[in-house]
Protein backbone atom coordinates (compact mmCIF):
# COMPACT_ATOMS: atom_id res chain seq x y z
CA MET A 1 -0.07 -0.38 -0.21
CA LEU A 2 2.81 2.18 0.66
CA ALA A 3 4.26 1.61 -2.50
CA MET A 4 1.10 2.64 -4.27
CA LEU A 5 1.20 5.99 -2.18
CA THR A 6 4.87 6.87 -3.67
CA PRO A 7 4.91 5.43 -6.85
CA SER A 8 8.18 4.62 -8.57
CA GLU A 9 9.34 5.06 -11.66
CA GLU A 10 8.73 2.24 -12.80
CA SER A 11 5.33 2.64 -12.42
CA PRO A 12 4.53 5.23 -14.45
CA GLN A 13 0.42 4.94 -14.03
CA PRO A 14 -0.22 5.31 -10.17
CA VAL A 15 -2.91 3.99 -8.33
CA LEU A 16 -4.97 6.59 -7.36
CA VAL A 17 -7.45 4.51 -5.12
CA ALA A 18 -6.74 1.61 -2.86
CA ALA A 19 -9.88 -0.03 -1.11
CA VAL A 20 -9.59 -2.08 1.95
CA ALA A 21 -12.33 -4.64 2.94
CA GLY A 22 -12.99 -6.76 5.32
CA LEU A 23 -15.05 -7.71 8.48
CA ALA A 24 -15.93 -5.17 11.02
CA GLY A 25 -13.27 -5.25 13.77
CA VAL A 26 -10.78 -6.43 11.75
CA GLY A 27 -8.33 -3.34 11.75
CA LYS A 28 -9.05 -1.63 8.38
CA THR A 29 -9.02 1.59 9.74
CA GLU A 30 -6.08 1.30 11.73
CA LEU A 31 -4.33 -0.32 8.44
CA VAL A 32 -5.09 2.88 6.51
CA VAL A 33 -4.42 5.30 9.46
CA GLN A 34 -0.81 3.69 9.82
CA ALA A 35 -0.15 3.75 5.87
CA ALA A 36 -0.84 7.16 5.91
CA THR A 37 1.23 8.00 8.82
CA ARG A 38 4.47 6.42 7.19
CA ALA A 39 3.71 7.96 3.86
CA LEU A 40 3.63 11.50 5.53
CA LYS A 41 7.06 10.71 6.82
CA GLN A 42 8.31 10.37 3.22
CA PRO A 43 9.63 13.83 2.10
CA GLY A 44 7.16 15.50 -0.20
CA SER A 45 4.89 12.86 -0.18
CA PHE A 46 1.40 14.85 0.47
CA PRO A 47 2.51 18.24 1.33
CA GLY A 48 -1.02 19.30 1.87
CA GLY A 49 -1.86 16.89 4.81
CA VAL A 50 -4.37 14.32 5.11
CA LEU A 51 -8.03 14.57 5.10
CA PHE A 52 -10.49 11.98 7.32
CA ILE A 53 -14.14 11.28 6.90
CA ASP A 54 -16.22 8.39 8.04
CA MET A 55 -18.93 7.82 6.69
CA PHE A 56 -20.77 5.39 9.16
CA GLY A 57 -21.72 3.30 6.04
CA TYR A 58 -23.24 0.26 8.27
CA ASP A 59 -25.31 2.46 10.72
CA SER A 60 -28.75 3.19 9.05
CA ALA A 61 -29.34 6.20 11.98
CA ARG A 62 -25.84 7.78 11.48
CA GLN A 63 -25.02 6.94 7.53
CA MET A 64 -23.58 9.79 6.44
CA SER A 65 -24.92 10.81 2.58
CA PRO A 66 -22.18 12.27 0.05
CA GLU A 67 -23.73 15.62 0.43
CA ARG A 68 -22.88 16.00 3.85
CA ALA A 69 -19.75 14.33 3.82
CA LEU A 70 -18.60 16.70 0.81
CA ARG A 71 -19.64 20.01 3.10
CA ASP A 72 -17.54 18.80 5.76
CA LEU A 73 -14.92 17.82 3.72
CA LEU A 74 -14.99 21.27 1.85
CA ARG A 75 -15.23 23.06 5.21
CA ALA A 76 -11.86 21.47 6.21
CA LEU A 77 -10.50 22.37 3.16
CA GLY A 78 -11.22 26.09 4.29
CA ILE A 79 -14.03 26.47 1.95
CA SER A 80 -16.81 28.82 3.58
CA GLY A 81 -20.50 27.41 4.08
CA GLU A 82 -21.76 30.26 2.23
CA VAL A 83 -20.16 29.47 -0.85
CA ILE A 84 -20.70 25.58 -0.86
CA PRO A 85 -23.48 24.35 -3.21
CA ALA A 86 -26.48 23.02 -2.19
CA GLU A 87 -26.64 20.14 -4.96
CA LEU A 88 -24.36 16.90 -4.64
CA GLN A 89 -23.29 17.63 -8.15
CA GLY A 90 -22.00 20.93 -7.34
CA ARG A 91 -20.46 20.38 -4.15
CA SER A 92 -18.60 17.42 -5.63
CA ARG A 93 -17.29 19.57 -8.64
CA LEU A 94 -16.02 22.37 -6.14
CA TYR A 95 -14.60 19.76 -3.95
CA ARG A 96 -12.83 17.94 -7.00
CA SER A 97 -11.70 21.22 -8.28
CA VAL A 98 -10.31 22.24 -5.01
CA LEU A 99 -7.84 19.35 -4.61
CA ALA A 100 -6.73 19.86 -7.87
CA THR A 101 -5.53 23.35 -7.50
CA TYR A 102 -3.81 21.79 -4.19
CA ALA A 103 -2.21 19.38 -6.35
CA GLU A 104 -1.22 22.21 -9.02
CA GLN A 105 0.03 24.18 -6.00
CA ASN A 106 2.52 21.02 -5.33
CA ARG A 107 0.11 20.69 -2.06
CA ARG A 108 -1.03 17.35 -2.90
CA ILE A 109 -3.11 15.77 -0.31
CA LEU A 110 -4.21 12.27 0.93
CA VAL A 111 -7.97 11.32 1.54
CA ILE A 112 -9.19 8.38 3.50
CA ILE A 113 -12.87 7.74 3.33
CA ASP A 114 -13.70 5.86 6.01
CA ASN A 115 -16.51 2.98 6.62
CA VAL A 116 -18.35 3.04 3.34
CA SER A 117 -20.86 0.51 2.49
CA SER A 118 -21.72 1.43 -1.08
CA ALA A 119 -20.13 2.69 -4.32
CA GLU A 120 -22.50 5.34 -4.62
CA GLN A 121 -21.78 6.57 -1.10
CA ALA A 122 -18.16 6.75 -2.16
CA ARG A 123 -18.12 7.58 -5.76
CA PRO A 124 -18.61 11.76 -5.29
CA LEU A 125 -16.02 11.86 -2.71
CA LEU A 126 -13.45 10.45 -5.26
CA PRO A 127 -10.94 12.89 -6.86
CA THR A 128 -10.56 12.99 -10.41
CA ASP A 129 -6.92 15.16 -10.93
CA GLY A 130 -4.93 12.11 -11.86
CA ALA A 131 -2.80 13.00 -8.57
CA THR A 132 -4.79 13.37 -5.40
CA ARG A 133 -4.51 9.64 -3.77
CA VAL A 134 -7.47 8.10 -1.69
CA LEU A 135 -7.56 5.57 0.98
CA LEU A 136 -10.93 3.68 1.61
CA THR A 137 -12.33 1.26 3.97
CA SER A 138 -15.50 -1.36 3.47
CA ARG A 139 -16.98 -4.24 4.74
CA HIS A 140 -17.77 -4.75 1.14
CA THR A 141 -15.62 -5.46 -2.05
CA LEU A 142 -16.55 -2.17 -3.65
CA ASP A 143 -16.36 -1.46 -7.82
CA LEU A 144 -14.67 1.83 -8.07
CA GLY A 145 -11.85 1.28 -9.92
CA ALA A 146 -9.83 0.57 -6.76
CA ARG A 147 -6.57 -1.46 -6.19
CA LEU A 148 -8.64 -4.13 -3.81
CA HIS A 149 -6.85 -5.52 -0.48
CA ASP A 150 -9.18 -7.93 1.49
CA LEU A 151 -7.90 -7.78 5.21
CA ASP A 152 -8.46 -11.20 6.82
CA ILE A 153 -8.19 -11.38 10.58
CA LEU A 154 -4.55 -11.85 12.08
CA SER A 155 -2.72 -14.91 12.01
CA GLU A 156 -2.44 -16.63 15.53
CA HIS A 157 1.35 -15.01 15.50
CA ALA A 158 0.38 -11.84 14.09
CA SER A 159 -2.53 -11.70 17.04
CA VAL A 160 0.41 -12.63 19.84
CA GLU A 161 2.56 -9.66 18.40
CA LEU A 162 -0.31 -7.02 18.79
CA LEU A 163 -1.13 -8.11 22.27
CA ARG A 164 2.97 -7.39 22.93
CA HIS A 165 3.03 -4.63 21.24
CA VAL A 166 0.03 -2.69 23.09
CA LEU A 167 1.17 -4.07 26.03
CA LEU A 168 5.10 -2.78 25.39
CA GLN A 169 3.28 0.79 24.65
CA ALA A 170 1.60 0.77 27.67
CA ARG A 171 3.84 -1.06 30.44
CA GLY A 172 7.00 -0.84 28.99
CA PRO A 173 9.84 -3.54 28.31
CA ALA A 174 9.84 -4.31 32.01
CA ASP A 175 6.45 -6.09 31.65
CA THR A 176 7.36 -9.52 30.17
CA ARG A 177 3.84 -11.55 30.49
CA ILE A 178 3.82 -12.37 26.87
CA GLU A 179 7.57 -13.74 26.67
CA ASP A 180 6.75 -15.47 29.79
CA SER A 181 3.46 -17.22 28.88
CA PRO A 182 3.43 -17.76 25.40
CA GLU A 183 0.75 -20.90 25.33
CA ASP A 184 -1.38 -18.42 27.17
CA ALA A 185 -0.95 -15.76 24.98
CA ALA A 186 -1.70 -17.96 22.01
CA THR A 187 -4.83 -19.26 23.52
CA ILE A 188 -5.94 -15.77 24.41
CA ALA A 189 -5.34 -14.70 20.99
CA ARG A 190 -7.56 -17.54 19.44
CA LEU A 191 -10.28 -16.71 21.92
CA CYS A 192 -10.58 -13.18 20.91
CA GLY A 193 -11.00 -14.54 17.50
CA GLU A 194 -7.77 -13.17 16.34
CA LEU A 195 -9.60 -9.51 15.90
CA PRO A 196 -7.98 -6.78 16.22
CA LEU A 197 -10.50 -4.98 18.16
CA ALA A 198 -11.20 -7.53 20.80
CA LEU A 199 -7.48 -8.36 21.18
CA ARG A 200 -6.61 -4.75 21.89
CA ILE A 201 -9.42 -4.71 24.61
CA ALA A 202 -7.51 -8.00 26.33
CA ALA A 203 -4.27 -6.14 26.05
CA ALA A 204 -5.84 -2.91 27.71
CA LEU A 205 -7.12 -5.24 30.58
CA LEU A 206 -3.94 -6.88 31.26
CA ALA A 207 -2.14 -3.34 31.22
CA ASP A 208 -4.61 -2.09 33.91
CA THR A 209 -3.45 -4.56 36.26
CA PRO A 210 0.26 -5.58 35.60
CA THR A 211 0.26 -8.18 38.31
CA ARG A 212 -2.62 -10.38 36.44
CA SER A 213 -1.25 -13.32 35.01
CA LEU A 214 -2.09 -14.10 31.15
CA ALA A 215 -3.36 -17.65 32.36
CA SER A 216 -6.16 -15.57 34.88
CA LEU A 217 -7.43 -13.90 31.72
CA VAL A 218 -7.47 -17.30 29.66
CA GLN A 219 -10.02 -18.42 32.47
CA ALA A 220 -12.10 -15.56 32.57
CA LEU A 221 -12.32 -15.67 28.72
CA ARG A 222 -12.96 -19.57 28.47
CA HIS A 223 -15.67 -18.77 31.33
CA THR A 224 -17.28 -16.47 29.22
CA ARG A 225 -17.23 -19.20 26.50
CA LEU A 226 -15.61 -16.71 23.79
CA ASP A 227 -15.42 -18.85 20.71
CA ARG A 228 -13.82 -18.16 17.19
CA LEU A 229 -15.68 -15.29 15.37
CA ARG A 230 -18.82 -16.65 13.80
CA ARG A 231 -21.14 -13.59 14.06
CA GLU A 232 -19.77 -10.08 13.99
CA ASP A 233 -20.70 -9.41 17.60
CA GLN A 234 -19.98 -12.72 19.53
CA ALA A 235 -16.24 -12.75 19.88
CA VAL A 236 -15.73 -9.09 20.79
CA ARG A 237 -18.92 -9.43 23.11
CA ALA A 238 -16.58 -11.50 25.71
CA ALA A 239 -13.65 -9.08 25.51
CA PHE A 240 -16.52 -6.30 26.41
CA ASP A 241 -17.88 -8.22 29.22
CA LEU A 242 -14.60 -8.62 30.57
CA SER A 243 -13.50 -4.63 30.25
CA TYR A 244 -17.47 -3.72 31.50
CA GLN A 245 -17.06 -5.87 34.60
CA ARG A 246 -14.15 -3.43 35.86
CA LEU A 247 -16.28 -0.63 35.86
CA SER A 248 -17.80 1.07 38.56
CA ASN A 249 -21.23 1.39 39.26
CA ASP A 250 -21.17 4.67 37.93
CA HIS A 251 -19.46 4.17 34.83
CA ALA A 252 -21.30 1.21 34.00
CA ARG A 253 -24.61 3.25 34.01
CA LEU A 254 -23.18 6.45 31.81
CA PHE A 255 -21.97 3.49 29.43
CA ARG A 256 -25.31 1.76 29.32
CA LEU A 257 -26.89 5.14 28.75
CA LEU A 258 -25.10 5.93 25.68
CA SER A 259 -26.63 3.70 23.94
CA LEU A 260 -29.61 5.92 24.11
CA TYR A 261 -28.21 8.33 21.81
CA GLN A 262 -29.09 7.91 18.06
CA GLY A 263 -26.39 10.12 16.40
CA PRO A 264 -23.39 9.44 15.19
CA GLU A 265 -21.05 11.02 18.31
CA PRO A 266 -22.62 11.63 21.81
CA SER A 267 -21.30 15.30 23.18
CA THR A 268 -20.69 15.59 26.75
CA GLU A 269 -23.44 17.95 27.36
CA SER A 270 -25.81 14.91 26.15
CA ALA A 271 -23.92 12.28 28.58
CA ALA A 272 -24.40 15.06 31.55
CA HIS A 273 -28.44 14.87 30.79
CA LEU A 274 -28.07 11.00 30.18
CA ALA A 275 -26.86 10.37 33.71
CA ASP A 276 -28.22 13.72 35.49
CA THR A 277 -24.82 14.92 36.56
CA ASP A 278 -22.76 17.92 36.14
CA HIS A 279 -20.50 18.34 32.68
CA VAL A 280 -17.50 17.90 34.69
CA HIS A 281 -18.16 14.64 36.12
CA ALA A 282 -19.71 13.60 32.80
CA GLU A 283 -16.46 14.45 31.05
CA GLU A 284 -14.29 12.61 33.53
CA VAL A 285 -16.18 9.27 33.18
CA LEU A 286 -16.28 9.66 29.46
CA GLN A 287 -12.63 9.65 29.56
CA ASP A 288 -12.27 6.56 31.91
CA LEU A 289 -14.63 5.29 29.51
CA ALA A 290 -12.10 5.91 26.63
CA ARG A 291 -9.27 4.59 28.44
CA ALA A 292 -10.98 1.55 28.84
CA HIS A 293 -11.34 1.04 25.12
CA LEU A 294 -15.16 0.97 25.22
CA ILE A 295 -15.69 4.37 23.54
CA GLU A 296 -12.74 7.19 21.80
CA PRO A 297 -12.81 10.25 21.14
CA GLY A 298 -15.04 12.30 18.33
CA HIS A 299 -13.82 14.33 15.45
CA THR A 300 -13.91 17.42 18.03
CA TRP A 301 -13.24 17.50 21.74
CA GLY A 302 -16.28 17.08 23.74
CA ARG A 303 -17.81 14.38 21.26
CA TRP A 304 -17.10 10.50 21.69
CA ARG A 305 -17.99 7.45 19.53
CA LEU A 306 -19.11 4.16 20.24
CA HIS A 307 -17.92 1.39 17.37
CA ASP A 308 -20.99 -0.10 15.90
CA LEU A 309 -20.49 -3.73 17.99
CA VAL A 310 -19.69 -1.54 21.26
CA ARG A 311 -22.95 0.49 20.66
CA LEU A 312 -25.08 -2.69 20.35
CA TYR A 313 -23.50 -4.22 23.46
CA ALA A 314 -24.19 -1.33 25.53
CA SER A 315 -27.94 -1.27 24.10
CA GLU A 316 -28.05 -4.76 25.59
CA LEU A 317 -26.76 -3.90 28.74
CA GLY A 318 -29.11 -1.08 28.48
CA HIS A 319 -32.15 -3.06 28.45
CA GLN A 320 -31.30 -5.48 30.67
CA HIS A 321 -30.82 -3.07 33.82
CA ALA A 322 -33.36 -0.52 32.48
CA ASP A 323 -35.27 -0.28 35.86
CA ALA A 324 -32.02 -0.02 38.13
CA ASP A 325 -30.94 2.91 35.23
CA HIS A 326 -34.03 4.82 35.47
CA ARG A 327 -33.65 4.58 31.57
CA THR A 328 -37.11 6.18 30.98
CA ALA A 329 -36.54 9.37 32.93
CA ALA A 330 -32.68 9.44 31.35
CA GLN A 331 -34.62 9.40 28.04
CA LEU A 332 -36.82 12.03 28.88
CA ARG A 333 -34.29 14.42 30.26
CA LEU A 334 -32.12 13.77 26.99
CA HIS A 335 -34.95 14.59 24.80
CA GLN A 336 -36.00 17.80 27.11
CA HIS A 337 -32.34 18.55 26.45
CA PHE A 338 -32.41 18.31 22.67
CA VAL A 339 -36.18 20.40 22.55
CA ARG A 340 -34.48 23.04 24.67
CA THR A 341 -31.24 23.69 22.64
CA ALA A 342 -33.09 23.31 19.30
CA ARG A 343 -35.17 25.77 20.18
CA ALA A 344 -32.05 28.13 21.01
CA ALA A 345 -30.34 27.32 18.25
CA ARG A 346 -33.32 28.03 15.37
CA SER A 347 -33.67 31.34 17.40
CA ALA A 348 -29.61 32.22 16.77
CA MET A 349 -30.03 31.23 13.49
CA ALA A 350 -32.86 33.73 13.07
CA ILE A 351 -34.42 31.44 10.12
CA GLU A 352 -37.95 32.91 11.11
CA PRO A 353 -38.46 36.10 10.34
CA ARG A 354 -41.43 36.59 12.17
CA THR A 355 -39.54 36.49 15.45
CA PRO A 356 -38.38 39.76 16.72
CA LEU A 357 -34.60 40.33 16.81
CA ARG A 358 -34.51 40.77 20.72
CA GLU A 359 -35.80 37.33 20.98
CA ARG A 360 -33.69 35.62 18.92
CA ARG A 361 -30.51 35.79 21.31
CA SER A 362 -29.36 32.72 22.94
CA PRO A 363 -27.45 32.18 26.06
CA ASP A 364 -26.41 28.73 24.24
CA PHE A 365 -25.27 29.93 21.21
CA ARG A 366 -22.85 33.22 20.36
CA SER A 367 -23.52 33.08 16.56
CA PHE A 368 -25.39 31.97 13.62
CA GLY A 369 -22.61 29.52 12.84
CA GLU A 370 -22.58 27.94 16.26
CA ALA A 371 -26.36 27.19 16.17
CA GLU A 372 -25.72 25.81 12.45
CA GLU A 373 -23.18 23.63 13.38
CA TRP A 374 -24.82 22.26 16.43
CA PHE A 375 -27.94 21.29 14.22
CA ALA A 376 -25.36 19.78 11.35
CA ASP A 377 -24.01 17.48 14.39
CA GLU A 378 -27.04 16.43 15.88
CA CYS A 379 -29.50 16.36 12.76
CA SER A 380 -29.09 12.77 11.97
CA ASN A 381 -30.18 12.33 15.69
CA LEU A 382 -32.98 14.22 15.73
CA LEU A 383 -34.64 12.93 12.43
CA SER A 384 -34.25 9.51 13.89
CA LEU A 385 -36.03 10.59 17.10
CA ILE A 386 -38.75 11.74 14.59
CA THR A 387 -38.99 9.46 12.11
CA ALA A 388 -36.99 6.20 12.99
CA ASP A 389 -36.99 5.38 16.08
CA PRO A 390 -40.59 3.56 16.99
CA GLU A 391 -39.27 3.60 20.64
CA HIS A 392 -38.89 7.24 20.63
CA SER A 393 -40.86 8.97 18.04
CA ARG A 394 -44.37 8.47 19.28
CA THR A 395 -44.20 11.46 22.11
CA PRO A 396 -44.75 15.19 21.80
CA THR A 397 -40.87 15.17 21.59
CA ALA A 398 -41.10 14.57 18.02
CA ALA A 399 -43.35 17.46 17.26
CA TRP A 400 -41.36 19.99 19.39
CA ILE A 401 -38.06 18.80 17.25
CA ALA A 402 -39.98 18.44 14.27
CA ALA A 403 -41.03 22.41 14.69
CA PHE A 404 -37.30 23.72 15.34
CA LEU A 405 -35.50 21.34 13.10
CA ALA A 406 -37.71 21.96 9.73
CA PRO A 407 -36.21 25.61 9.28
CA TYR A 408 -32.77 23.91 9.06
CA LEU A 409 -33.33 21.52 6.59
CA ARG A 410 -35.16 23.54 4.62
CA PHE A 411 -31.93 26.32 5.05
CA GLN A 412 -29.86 23.06 4.13
CA TYR A 413 -32.17 21.92 1.29
CA ARG A 414 -32.97 18.65 2.83
CA HIS A 415 -36.27 18.76 1.06
CA ALA A 416 -36.51 14.68 1.12
CA ASP A 417 -35.94 14.73 4.89
CA LEU A 418 -38.50 17.68 5.47
CA LEU A 419 -41.06 15.92 3.72
CA LYS A 420 -40.22 12.82 5.74
CA VAL A 421 -40.95 14.78 8.55
CA SER A 422 -43.83 16.40 8.03
CA SER A 423 -45.55 12.74 6.58
CA THR A 424 -44.54 11.49 10.47
CA ILE A 425 -46.04 14.14 12.13
CA GLN A 426 -49.10 13.97 10.20
CA ASN A 427 -49.25 10.27 10.57
CA LEU A 428 -48.64 10.98 14.50
CA ALA A 429 -51.15 13.43 14.83
CA HIS A 430 -53.82 11.55 13.06
CA GLU A 431 -52.89 8.52 15.32
CA ARG A 432 -53.44 10.85 18.10
CA SER A 433 -49.89 10.13 19.51
CA ILE A 434 -49.80 13.94 19.78
CA PRO A 435 -51.99 16.59 21.65
CA PRO A 436 -54.23 18.22 19.17
CA LEU A 437 -52.76 21.44 19.90
CA LEU A 438 -49.38 20.75 19.68
CA SER A 439 -50.26 18.77 16.30
CA GLY A 440 -52.02 21.96 15.03
CA VAL A 441 -48.97 24.06 15.89
CA THR A 442 -46.48 21.88 14.56
CA LEU A 443 -48.26 21.42 11.10
CA LEU A 444 -48.37 25.37 10.66
CA MET A 445 -44.78 25.68 11.63
CA ILE A 446 -43.73 23.33 9.39
CA SER A 447 -46.02 24.27 6.29
CA TYR A 448 -44.31 27.90 6.59
CA GLU A 449 -40.82 26.08 5.42
CA MET A 450 -42.85 24.18 2.96
CA ASP A 451 -44.07 27.07 1.36
CA ARG A 452 -40.96 28.85 1.20
CA ILE A 453 -39.20 25.99 -1.10
CA ASP A 454 -42.45 25.85 -3.41
CA LEU A 455 -44.14 22.89 -1.92
CA THR A 456 -47.15 24.98 -2.06
CA VAL A 457 -49.49 21.99 -2.57
CA GLU A 458 -47.82 20.16 0.59
CA ALA A 459 -48.27 22.99 2.39
CA VAL A 460 -51.65 23.00 2.13
CA ASP A 461 -52.30 19.51 2.96
CA LEU A 462 -50.28 20.32 6.08
CA LEU A 463 -52.52 23.70 6.52
CA LEU A 464 -55.68 21.56 6.47
CA ASP A 465 -54.97 19.26 8.79
CA SER A 466 -53.81 22.05 11.03
CA VAL A 467 -57.04 23.87 11.10
CA GLY A 468 -58.79 20.84 12.44
CA PHE A 469 -56.31 20.47 15.26
CA LEU A 470 -56.20 24.20 16.10
CA CYS A 471 -59.74 24.15 16.18
CA GLU A 472 -60.11 21.01 18.45
CA GLY A 473 -57.29 22.26 20.41
CA GLY A 474 -59.20 25.50 21.22
CA ARG A 475 -56.89 27.83 19.68
CA ARG A 476 -59.30 30.44 17.35
CA ASN A 477 -56.35 33.08 16.60
CA LEU A 478 -54.13 30.39 15.38
CA GLU A 479 -57.01 28.53 13.69
CA VAL A 480 -57.43 31.86 11.64
CA ILE A 481 -53.62 32.16 11.06
CA ALA A 482 -53.81 28.85 9.26
CA ILE A 483 -56.74 29.81 7.51
CA GLU A 484 -55.13 32.70 6.26
CA GLU A 485 -52.51 30.97 5.04
CA ILE A 486 -54.70 28.65 2.90
CA LYS A 487 -56.17 31.67 1.07
CA HIS A 488 -52.65 32.54 0.07
CA HIS A 489 -51.64 29.14 -0.93
CA LEU A 490 -55.02 28.85 -2.65
CA LEU A 491 -54.27 31.80 -5.19
CA LYS A 492 -50.88 30.40 -5.97
CA ILE A 493 -51.89 27.20 -6.86
CA ILE A 494 -54.43 28.56 -8.69
CA ARG A 495 -51.87 30.50 -10.70
CA ARG A 496 -48.99 27.59 -11.13
CA TRP A 497 -50.65 24.07 -10.57
CA VAL A 498 -54.07 22.03 -10.01
CA LEU A 499 -55.26 21.20 -6.95
CA PRO A 500 -55.30 17.35 -6.09
CA GLU A 501 -58.99 16.16 -5.62
CA GLU A 502 -58.45 14.95 -1.92
CA GLN A 503 -57.40 18.26 -1.16
CA ALA A 504 -60.28 20.00 -2.76
CA LEU A 505 -62.50 17.93 -0.83
CA LYS A 506 -60.69 18.92 2.51
CA LEU A 507 -61.68 22.51 1.24
CA ASP A 508 -64.76 21.66 0.69
CA TRP A 509 -65.17 20.44 4.34
CA LEU A 510 -63.42 23.55 5.46
CA THR A 511 -65.96 25.56 4.07
CA LEU A 512 -68.98 23.94 5.28
CA THR A 513 -67.62 23.35 9.13
CA HIS A 514 -65.76 26.71 9.85
CA ALA A 515 -68.25 29.66 8.91
CA HIS A 516 -65.44 32.43 9.60
CA VAL A 517 -63.56 30.61 6.76
CA VAL A 518 -65.03 33.40 4.42
CA ASP A 519 -66.38 37.14 4.78
CA PRO A 520 -69.96 37.38 5.07
CA GLU A 521 -70.29 39.75 2.33
CA HIS A 522 -68.69 40.48 -1.12
CA LYS A 523 -66.15 43.35 -1.50
CA GLU A 524 -66.37 44.35 -5.00
CA SER A 525 -63.64 46.78 -4.41
CA SER A 526 -61.18 44.20 -3.01
CA SER A 527 -58.78 42.24 -5.82
CA ARG A 528 -58.85 39.23 -3.67
CA CYS A 529 -62.47 38.87 -2.45
CA TRP A 530 -63.13 36.07 0.33
CA CYS A 531 -66.79 35.93 0.11
CA ARG A 532 -68.28 32.67 0.00
CA GLN A 533 -69.07 32.77 -3.58
CA CYS A 534 -65.35 33.96 -4.33
CA TRP A 535 -63.93 31.22 -2.03
CA LEU A 536 -66.05 28.46 -3.89
CA GLN A 537 -64.93 29.84 -7.35
CA TYR A 538 -61.06 29.82 -6.39
CA ILE A 539 -61.65 26.20 -5.44
CA ALA A 540 -63.50 25.13 -8.73
CA VAL A 541 -60.69 26.62 -10.95
CA ALA A 542 -58.12 25.08 -8.66
CA ARG A 543 -59.92 21.28 -9.43
CA ARG A 544 -59.00 21.84 -13.21
């Protein structure tokens, strides 16, 4: 792989993309990071540095779209968010152009694309300048025109050497347990399924207790009946058990509760709300969990990552200890935190022009950029709370978060997500999973964002439902606002579109059941009269 990154004169056509494929936890990321580290030490190899992006390809809740990945990569390259195009093709062209410019200026960059699940996810991120190199990892062998490397589990000898290396780094040459007990070391390697992730955790356990013999660890692993890896989470679970059992009650509880967080990287602040503790204590516990190799630091300080298999393991334990952990209460605290912070972020971004400037200031965010960054980091988690997680979505939390998230989705041109959010809230409202008044308010707020991106027919559908729920909730003033919005949208539909029959029938119902929807008398001087006769004429025109 190093030869591909620094081709010789005998290789005039260098390999531009190297793809490493293999089982989860087999060490794909470690391999490409080590290769990149060595390549950077060679003079003149990549004077522009390294770009790293984790695509979370195998986690449906955290999977990163090419659009989001390109946005993050462009920001890492110093491109301002204001000039980043909204659509995928535009972002890809700009990204490739910037990389080409770096290469022309003799500042060639190495790009690492980690945890890719499909060729479609990675292809827009591949440079086309003929100079920029890419290292890519995936659990699948992808058709990307790349040099393929299938990474298998380690051999027994290499596994023992990995144990020795980790222990040597942690304890120094004075720790000779691997040399003193080679048979036990080989047994540990076999019991860990020769999987690097499990081996590193086992080595960390030995490093934590220098007086512990290898035979003791062998006995513990055998007691948990750890076998050779046959399913992705089997071998590592036994190693996780050993690491988990060393945690204090406080640490173990937070570890279990972290599985409630649905996004890519929980923040220290979110962890503090889960554990019902202060920020300083939560940070101390998280750092201890990181040292135990149960979590790891995220892309920025204050955020943390759980490996896919570790997250599953924590979730299993969390359900087993749900009552003792007061898991439902912890979930509620986290949701309340998201609702409050999303409200503050929306206010700080000042997306809603109806909000007076004096009310847009937030103690949580000092600038538009900070609020936007919070939404970007938490968006996948917030969307999952609304649309994807059946255990969490059917609560008023979904409605509040949808109301505050909708302007951001519109602002970022994430139309598909906005439509999905609106559909989910409509369904929850009709199922009576959300109180009528909250349903009406949420649908009204989302309709504003729909109209701004010319989804007028969809906005009318939300407003028609909103009127009924607001009426039921007894908020006449908001009901009138929703009806006025319908009038406004109806004129737009008459000019540009045909009103779907289902919505036309809803308008008929609105006319019959809401007397205040129309003016009692015709106003000839008005260019937009809303008396009953004119209202019915507008509907008739929209039907055509």
